[in-house]
Amino acid sequence: MADKEEKEVKVNLSFTTEKLFLYGAIADAVIGFLWAILAAAADSEGAYRAAGFFQGFFFAVLGGLVLFGLSKILKGK
């Protein structure tokens, strides 16, 4: 059998503030939608716990974006 050749790939990502807020808003909309569905269907313990997880994740992403935006505003002045 021939050995597989390993190849190293470097990835360089760069986001503007506007793009980061756009992607964050999309992520928050999806997470909020899942949170609402799971909270409405919380007839089992698993759905209730998943809704709680998405609630925390929603506010973590939203809070992170708000703090990032505030830091960009303060850095720009």
Protein backbone atom coordinates (compact mmCIF):
# COMPACT_ATOMS: atom_id res chain seq x y z
CA MET A 1 0.00 0.00 0.00
CA ALA A 2 1.20 3.45 -0.82
CA ASP A 3 1.54 5.97 1.97
CA LYS A 4 -0.74 8.98 1.73
CA GLU A 5 1.10 12.21 1.16
CA GLU A 6 0.37 14.83 3.80
CA LYS A 7 -0.22 18.34 2.64
CA GLU A 8 -0.32 21.41 4.88
CA VAL A 9 -2.89 24.06 4.01
CA LYS A 10 -3.01 27.50 5.59
CA VAL A 11 -6.33 29.32 5.81
CA ASN A 12 -6.45 33.04 6.40
CA LEU A 13 -9.89 34.42 7.29
CA SER A 14 -10.64 38.10 7.47
CA PHE A 15 -13.98 39.67 8.35
CA THR A 16 -15.09 43.26 8.27
CA THR A 17 -17.23 44.50 11.12
CA GLU A 18 -20.26 44.73 8.84
CA LYS A 19 -19.87 41.12 7.66
CA LEU A 20 -19.38 39.90 11.22
CA PHE A 21 -22.58 41.62 12.34
CA LEU A 22 -24.45 40.25 9.32
CA TYR A 23 -23.34 36.67 10.00
CA GLY A 24 -24.03 37.13 13.71
CA ALA A 25 -27.54 38.37 12.98
CA ILE A 26 -28.18 35.34 10.75
CA ALA A 27 -26.82 32.99 13.43
CA ASP A 28 -28.96 34.67 16.10
CA ALA A 29 -32.07 34.36 13.93
CA VAL A 30 -31.48 30.64 13.40
CA ILE A 31 -30.67 30.01 17.06
CA GLY A 32 -33.69 32.03 18.18
CA PHE A 33 -35.94 30.09 15.80
CA LEU A 34 -34.66 26.76 17.16
CA TRP A 35 -35.05 28.04 20.71
CA ALA A 36 -38.68 29.01 20.04
CA ILE A 37 -39.51 25.64 18.47
CA LEU A 38 -37.93 23.65 21.28
CA ALA A 39 -39.53 25.82 23.96
CA ALA A 40 -42.94 25.33 22.35
CA ALA A 41 -42.45 21.56 22.06
CA ALA A 42 -41.02 21.15 25.54
CA ASP A 43 -43.17 18.20 26.51
CA SER A 44 -40.08 16.13 27.27
CA GLU A 45 -37.09 16.80 29.46
CA GLY A 46 -34.69 16.68 26.49
CA ALA A 47 -36.51 19.39 24.52
CA TYR A 48 -36.68 21.58 27.61
CA ARG A 49 -32.95 21.21 28.24
CA ALA A 50 -32.15 21.87 24.57
CA ALA A 51 -34.28 25.04 24.66
CA GLY A 52 -32.32 26.19 27.70
CA PHE A 53 -29.05 25.52 25.90
CA PHE A 54 -30.14 27.54 22.86
CA GLN A 55 -31.34 30.35 25.12
CA GLY A 56 -27.89 30.61 26.69
CA PHE A 57 -26.16 30.28 23.33
CA PHE A 58 -28.42 32.97 21.83
CA PHE A 59 -27.55 35.49 24.52
CA ALA A 60 -23.85 34.54 24.41
CA VAL A 61 -23.64 35.22 20.66
CA LEU A 62 -25.75 38.38 20.90
CA GLY A 63 -23.76 39.67 23.88
CA GLY A 64 -20.47 38.92 22.16
CA LEU A 65 -21.52 40.81 19.06
CA VAL A 66 -22.67 43.80 21.09
CA LEU A 67 -19.39 43.94 22.97
CA PHE A 68 -17.40 43.55 19.75
CA GLY A 69 -19.37 46.37 18.14
CA LEU A 70 -18.82 48.62 21.15
CA SER A 71 -15.10 47.93 21.06
CA LYS A 72 -15.00 48.86 17.34
CA ILE A 73 -16.91 52.09 18.06
CA LEU A 74 -14.54 53.03 20.89
CA LYS A 75 -11.45 52.10 18.86
CA GLY A 76 -12.64 54.28 15.96
CA LYS A 77 -12.88 57.43 18.07
